[in-house]
Protein backbone atom coordinates (compact mmCIF):
# COMPACT_ATOMS: atom_id res chain seq x y z
CA MET A 1 4.05 34.31 22.69
CA PRO A 2 1.52 34.86 19.86
CA ILE A 3 1.69 33.30 16.41
CA ASP A 4 3.41 35.61 13.92
CA ALA A 5 2.57 34.63 10.35
CA ASN A 6 5.38 36.84 9.03
CA LYS A 7 7.92 34.49 10.59
CA ALA A 8 6.54 31.35 8.94
CA GLN A 9 7.45 29.70 5.67
CA ASP A 10 4.80 29.70 2.93
CA VAL A 11 2.58 27.00 4.38
CA TRP A 12 -0.99 28.28 4.23
CA LYS A 13 -0.82 30.54 1.20
CA ASP A 14 -2.30 29.81 -2.22
CA VAL A 15 -1.74 26.54 -4.06
CA GLY A 16 -0.06 28.19 -7.05
CA GLU A 17 -0.30 27.71 -10.81
CA HIS A 18 2.88 25.68 -11.37
CA VAL A 19 3.83 23.41 -8.49
CA GLN A 20 6.81 21.19 -7.64
CA PHE A 21 6.80 18.59 -4.88
CA SER A 22 10.05 16.80 -4.09
CA ILE A 23 10.93 14.25 -1.45
CA LEU A 24 14.60 13.52 -0.81
CA LYS A 25 16.30 10.89 1.30
CA LEU A 26 19.58 11.54 3.10
CA THR A 27 22.34 9.14 2.07
CA ARG A 28 23.67 9.20 5.65
CA GLU A 29 27.21 8.57 4.49
CA ASN A 30 28.71 11.23 6.75
CA GLN A 31 26.66 12.85 9.50
CA LYS A 32 28.97 15.84 10.02
CA VAL A 33 29.03 16.66 6.30
CA ALA A 34 25.26 16.37 6.13
CA GLN A 35 24.83 18.70 9.11
CA GLU A 36 27.18 21.28 7.61
CA THR A 37 25.43 21.05 4.23
CA ILE A 38 21.98 21.53 5.76
CA ALA A 39 23.23 24.48 7.80
CA GLU A 40 24.54 26.16 4.64
CA PHE A 41 21.36 25.32 2.77
CA ALA A 42 19.13 26.77 5.49
CA ASP A 43 20.90 30.08 4.91
CA ARG A 44 21.37 30.01 1.14
CA SER A 45 17.84 28.84 0.38
CA GLN A 46 16.40 32.08 1.73
CA ALA A 47 18.78 34.10 -0.42
CA ILE A 48 17.78 32.05 -3.48
CA ILE A 49 14.11 32.78 -2.83
CA ARG A 50 14.75 36.51 -2.45
CA SER A 51 16.84 36.56 -5.63
CA LEU A 52 14.24 34.77 -7.73
CA LYS A 53 11.53 37.17 -6.61
CA ILE A 54 13.67 39.99 -7.96
CA ARG A 55 14.78 38.24 -11.18
CA ASP A 56 11.30 37.47 -12.51
CA LYS A 57 9.46 40.61 -13.53
CA ASN A 58 6.09 39.06 -12.73
CA LEU A 59 7.20 38.21 -9.22
CA ALA A 60 9.04 41.39 -8.28
CA SER A 61 5.93 43.16 -7.08
CA GLN A 62 3.51 40.29 -6.52
CA SER A 63 5.84 37.87 -4.70
CA GLU A 64 4.08 34.86 -6.21
CA LEU A 65 6.97 32.48 -5.60
CA LYS A 66 6.20 30.48 -2.46
CA VAL A 67 8.40 27.84 -0.89
CA ALA A 68 8.06 25.56 2.09
CA PHE A 69 10.52 22.83 3.02
CA GLY A 70 10.96 20.68 6.06
CA PHE A 71 12.22 17.50 7.66
CA SER A 72 10.83 14.13 8.70
CA GLN A 73 11.34 12.80 12.21
CA LYS A 74 14.11 10.47 11.01
CA ALA A 75 15.88 13.38 9.36
CA TRP A 76 15.48 15.52 12.47
CA GLN A 77 17.04 12.84 14.65
CA PHE A 78 19.97 12.42 12.24
CA LEU A 79 20.64 16.10 11.58
CA PHE A 80 19.84 17.57 15.00
CA PRO A 81 20.48 14.73 17.49
CA ASN A 82 21.14 17.07 20.41
CA SER A 83 18.09 19.24 19.86
CA PRO A 84 14.53 18.67 21.08
CA GLN A 85 12.09 17.88 18.33
CA PRO A 86 8.59 19.25 17.67
CA LYS A 87 6.13 17.66 20.10
CA GLU A 88 3.88 16.04 17.51
CA LEU A 89 6.54 15.08 14.97
CA GLU A 90 6.54 11.35 14.35
CA THR A 91 7.37 8.98 11.53
CA TYR A 92 4.17 8.33 9.63
CA GLN A 93 3.45 4.62 9.40
CA THR A 94 1.18 2.96 6.86
CA LEU A 95 -2.50 3.19 7.83
CA SER A 96 -4.93 0.43 6.84
CA HIS A 97 -8.55 -0.47 7.43
CA ASP A 98 -10.45 -3.28 5.71
CA GLU A 99 -9.73 -3.05 1.97
CA TYR A 100 -7.99 0.33 1.87
CA THR A 101 -4.40 1.32 2.69
CA MET A 102 -2.51 4.59 2.97
CA PRO A 103 1.15 3.58 2.53
CA ALA A 104 4.12 5.45 4.01
CA ILE A 105 7.20 6.56 2.11
CA ASP A 106 10.69 6.73 3.57
CA GLY A 107 11.64 10.35 2.94
CA ASP A 108 13.71 12.91 4.86
CA ILE A 109 13.41 16.32 3.21
CA PHE A 110 10.30 17.72 1.57
CA PHE A 111 9.82 20.65 -0.82
CA HIS A 112 6.62 22.42 -1.86
CA ILE A 113 7.47 25.08 -4.45
CA ARG A 114 4.91 27.05 -6.45
CA ALA A 115 4.75 30.15 -8.64
CA SER A 116 2.92 31.61 -11.62
CA ASN A 117 6.01 31.04 -13.76
CA GLU A 118 7.21 27.47 -14.38
CA ALA A 119 10.73 28.77 -15.06
CA VAL A 120 10.94 30.15 -11.53
CA VAL A 121 9.80 26.84 -10.03
CA TYR A 122 12.41 25.04 -12.11
CA GLU A 123 15.16 27.45 -11.13
CA ALA A 124 14.33 27.31 -7.44
CA GLN A 125 14.48 23.51 -7.26
CA THR A 126 17.58 23.41 -9.47
CA GLN A 127 19.45 25.85 -7.28
CA PHE A 128 18.35 24.08 -4.09
CA MET A 129 19.70 20.80 -5.45
CA ARG A 130 23.11 22.32 -6.09
CA PHE A 131 23.54 22.32 -2.32
CA LEU A 132 21.76 19.07 -1.52
CA LYS A 133 22.59 16.64 -4.33
CA ASP A 134 25.76 15.30 -2.69
CA ILE A 135 24.01 14.24 0.52
CA THR A 136 20.61 13.14 -0.81
CA GLU A 137 18.88 10.99 -3.38
CA VAL A 138 15.49 11.73 -4.94
CA VAL A 139 12.64 9.52 -3.73
CA ASP A 140 9.81 11.27 -5.58
CA GLU A 141 9.41 14.31 -7.81
CA THR A 142 5.93 15.43 -8.86
CA LYS A 143 4.91 18.40 -10.98
CA GLY A 144 1.43 19.77 -10.34
CA PHE A 145 -0.68 22.44 -11.97
CA ARG A 146 -3.70 24.66 -11.42
CA TYR A 147 -6.75 23.11 -13.08
CA PHE A 148 -8.94 25.84 -14.57
CA GLU A 149 -10.46 28.00 -11.80
CA GLY A 150 -8.86 26.00 -9.03
CA ARG A 151 -10.83 22.79 -9.38
CA ALA A 152 -9.63 19.39 -8.26
CA ILE A 153 -8.81 17.05 -11.13
CA ILE A 154 -12.19 15.33 -10.53
CA GLY A 155 -13.90 18.57 -11.51
CA PHE A 156 -15.05 19.99 -8.18
CA ILE A 157 -14.01 23.32 -6.65
CA ASP A 158 -11.19 22.63 -4.21
CA GLY A 159 -10.53 24.12 -0.80
CA THR A 160 -14.09 25.09 0.09
CA GLU A 161 -13.75 23.70 3.60
CA ALA A 162 -10.36 25.29 4.25
CA PRO A 163 -10.23 28.35 6.54
CA ASP A 164 -10.30 31.77 4.92
CA VAL A 165 -6.81 33.08 4.20
CA HIS A 166 -7.22 35.76 6.89
CA ASP A 167 -7.92 33.08 9.49
CA ALA A 168 -5.61 30.38 8.18
CA ALA A 169 -2.46 31.02 10.19
CA GLU A 170 -3.88 29.83 13.50
CA TYR A 171 -4.88 26.52 11.92
CA ALA A 172 -1.59 26.03 10.07
CA LEU A 173 1.02 27.29 12.51
CA VAL A 174 2.28 25.91 15.82
CA GLY A 175 1.53 28.23 18.72
CA ASP A 176 2.76 28.70 22.27
CA GLU A 177 1.81 25.12 23.11
CA ASP A 178 5.30 24.30 21.73
CA GLU A 179 7.21 27.59 22.00
CA THR A 180 10.52 26.32 20.66
CA PHE A 181 8.80 25.51 17.38
CA ILE A 182 6.28 28.32 17.20
CA ASN A 183 5.31 29.43 13.67
CA GLY A 184 6.36 26.07 12.26
CA SER A 185 3.86 23.67 10.70
CA TYR A 186 3.16 19.96 10.39
CA ALA A 187 3.01 19.12 6.69
CA PHE A 188 1.53 15.86 5.52
CA ALA A 189 2.22 15.00 1.87
CA GLN A 190 0.21 12.24 0.20
CA LYS A 191 0.09 11.19 -3.45
CA TRP A 192 -3.11 9.73 -4.95
CA ARG A 193 -3.62 8.20 -8.41
CA HIS A 194 -7.18 8.04 -9.75
CA ASP A 195 -9.03 5.77 -12.13
CA MET A 196 -10.40 8.63 -14.18
CA ASP A 197 -12.34 6.32 -16.52
CA PHE A 198 -14.33 5.06 -13.53
CA TRP A 199 -14.99 8.61 -12.37
CA HIS A 200 -16.01 9.95 -15.76
CA ASN A 201 -18.44 7.06 -16.23
CA LEU A 202 -20.41 8.21 -13.18
CA LYS A 203 -23.35 10.51 -13.75
CA THR A 204 -22.94 14.04 -12.40
CA GLU A 205 -25.54 13.33 -9.72
CA GLU A 206 -23.52 10.34 -8.54
CA GLN A 207 -20.31 12.38 -8.44
CA GLU A 208 -22.06 15.06 -6.38
CA LYS A 209 -23.30 12.49 -3.88
CA ALA A 210 -19.77 11.08 -3.66
CA VAL A 211 -18.18 14.46 -2.94
CA GLY A 212 -21.10 15.98 -1.02
CA ARG A 213 -21.37 19.16 -3.08
CA GLU A 214 -22.92 20.40 -6.31
CA LYS A 215 -20.36 20.23 -9.10
CA PHE A 216 -21.11 23.55 -10.82
CA SER A 217 -22.25 25.81 -7.99
CA ASP A 218 -20.16 24.21 -5.21
CA LEU A 219 -23.12 24.36 -2.82
CA GLU A 220 -23.05 21.68 -0.13
CA LEU A 221 -25.75 19.03 -0.43
CA GLU A 222 -28.17 18.28 2.36
CA ASP A 223 -27.02 15.31 4.42
CA GLU A 224 -29.81 13.09 3.13
CA ASP A 225 -28.72 13.80 -0.47
CA LYS A 226 -25.12 12.63 0.07
CA TYR A 227 -23.73 9.13 0.14
CA HIS A 228 -23.06 8.07 3.72
CA ASN A 229 -19.35 7.98 2.86
CA ALA A 230 -19.21 11.20 0.85
CA HIS A 231 -15.79 12.80 0.96
CA ASN A 232 -16.89 15.85 2.94
CA VAL A 233 -18.50 13.55 5.49
CA ALA A 234 -15.62 11.11 5.91
CA SER A 235 -12.99 13.86 6.10
CA LYS A 236 -14.80 16.06 8.62
CA VAL A 237 -12.98 15.94 11.96
CA GLU A 238 -14.52 16.80 15.31
CA ILE A 239 -12.87 16.69 18.72
CA ASP A 240 -15.14 17.07 21.75
CA GLY A 241 -17.93 18.13 19.41
CA GLU A 242 -15.95 20.96 17.79
CA GLU A 243 -14.96 20.79 14.13
CA GLN A 244 -11.22 20.90 13.53
CA LYS A 245 -9.61 22.40 10.45
CA ILE A 246 -6.33 22.10 8.59
CA ILE A 247 -5.07 23.90 5.50
CA ARG A 248 -5.72 21.58 2.56
CA MET A 249 -4.05 22.06 -0.79
CA ASN A 250 -5.02 19.44 -3.38
CA VAL A 251 -2.86 19.76 -6.49
CA PRO A 252 -3.61 17.88 -9.74
CA PHE A 253 -0.82 16.08 -11.59
CA SER A 254 -0.94 14.05 -14.76
CA GLU A 255 0.79 12.22 -17.56
CA PRO A 256 -2.30 12.46 -19.77
CA ALA A 257 -1.04 10.38 -22.71
CA SER A 258 -0.38 7.40 -20.45
CA GLY A 259 -3.42 8.02 -18.26
CA LYS A 260 -1.52 8.49 -15.02
CA THR A 261 -3.54 11.18 -13.31
CA GLY A 262 -4.00 11.99 -9.67
CA THR A 263 -3.99 14.40 -6.77
CA TYR A 264 -1.09 15.44 -4.57
CA PHE A 265 -2.69 16.15 -1.22
CA MET A 266 -1.01 18.67 1.07
CA GLY A 267 -2.21 19.17 4.60
CA TYR A 268 -0.60 21.90 6.69
CA ALA A 269 -1.65 21.86 10.32
CA ARG A 270 -0.97 23.31 13.73
CA HIS A 271 -1.64 19.84 15.15
CA TRP A 272 -0.66 16.64 13.36
CA GLU A 273 -3.23 14.75 15.44
CA VAL A 274 -6.02 16.51 13.52
CA THR A 275 -4.67 15.46 10.11
CA LYS A 276 -4.01 11.93 11.33
CA LEU A 277 -7.55 11.62 12.68
CA MET A 278 -8.90 12.78 9.34
CA LEU A 279 -6.93 10.08 7.51
CA GLU A 280 -8.09 7.40 9.93
CA GLN A 281 -11.72 8.45 9.51
CA MET A 282 -11.46 8.39 5.73
CA LEU A 283 -10.29 4.78 5.95
CA GLU A 284 -12.79 3.69 8.59
CA GLN A 285 -15.73 5.27 6.73
CA SER A 286 -14.51 4.09 3.29
CA ASP A 287 -14.37 7.60 1.84
CA TYR A 288 -15.90 7.33 -1.63
CA LEU A 289 -12.73 8.78 -3.20
CA LEU A 290 -10.90 5.62 -2.14
CA HIS A 291 -13.16 3.53 -4.41
CA PHE A 292 -11.42 4.73 -7.55
CA SER A 293 -8.01 5.76 -6.20
CA ASP A 294 -4.71 4.18 -5.29
CA ILE A 295 -2.76 6.01 -2.61
CA LEU A 296 0.89 5.75 -3.58
CA PHE A 297 2.51 7.15 -0.43
CA GLY A 298 2.43 9.65 2.39
CA GLN A 299 4.77 11.08 5.01
CA LEU A 300 4.83 13.72 7.74
CA PHE A 301 7.34 16.58 7.77
CA PHE A 302 7.91 19.55 10.05
CA ILE A 303 8.29 22.94 8.34
CA PRO A 304 10.52 25.15 10.53
CA SER A 305 9.83 28.85 10.96
CA ARG A 306 12.25 31.26 9.31
CA PRO A 307 13.85 32.22 12.68
CA LEU A 308 14.41 28.52 13.34
CA LEU A 309 16.04 28.20 9.92
CA GLU A 310 18.44 30.91 11.03
CA LYS A 311 19.34 28.83 14.08
CA ILE A 312 19.87 25.80 11.86
CA ALA A 313 22.12 27.92 9.62
CA ASP A 314 24.15 28.93 12.68
CA GLY A 315 24.54 25.30 13.75
CA ASP A 316 22.62 25.87 16.98
CA LEU A 317 20.53 22.70 16.61
CA ASN A 318 23.33 20.18 16.02
């Protein structure tokens, strides 16, 4: 059974101009009510997305609204206790090595919403919450934005190492190795806060050595010109000598008056093991980005395919 990108949620497509990330936790007050609510939401959410694409004149033809949502392992076990779960779905636990830590957050439901119109992003999340507010509480809500021509908040072009959009689906979507969950995706969400004063006090040459690329042109530096723990060195994953790829979407966020600025890292992958290995390597090699960043939290979620959402809506997974 081949991967069919048309049956997937919006997991590998562009980052967007206005972005909303939300993590919710189930109250677990009544399992049956929660299951019924999620079943209704699985159905109504798709109608909301279709409606908003029609309502906004900028989106009617371009379909720039993109939504992906999914569930943690704990949520899956609570909502669908009689159903098998995706093979690589696990509860992300805090990773640590020497002086650096990547903490976990206890979240159940994850949203990644983006569009060219902030009003559409607002309306999508607002309408989604009409169905979910009685069975959930908000753990984190982060608004991101496109920074100039798609640069990371530290000033470098983002996404250079990600697969081309035409090749992305096979790296982002589960294949026939787990047929029940084909066209789903493992989404890892991680929130970073940066010490921007530290970063801005570095000379451009130092920043380039830290990232591993030229800041203006985006050309990769020669290995001998990079720091040994440059970001594109520490985050490069190889298994049996072959480089592995995931779909990375780094989204800036900020409260500029108070100086709270950071990056919301999104990693969509066919295999969670690849993303997890990348995180472990970044810690073990002391990725330079960790020197001036605090990682606030991270968690793994599974993004069901649209046909699987239909089964959830029909109550077939309970």
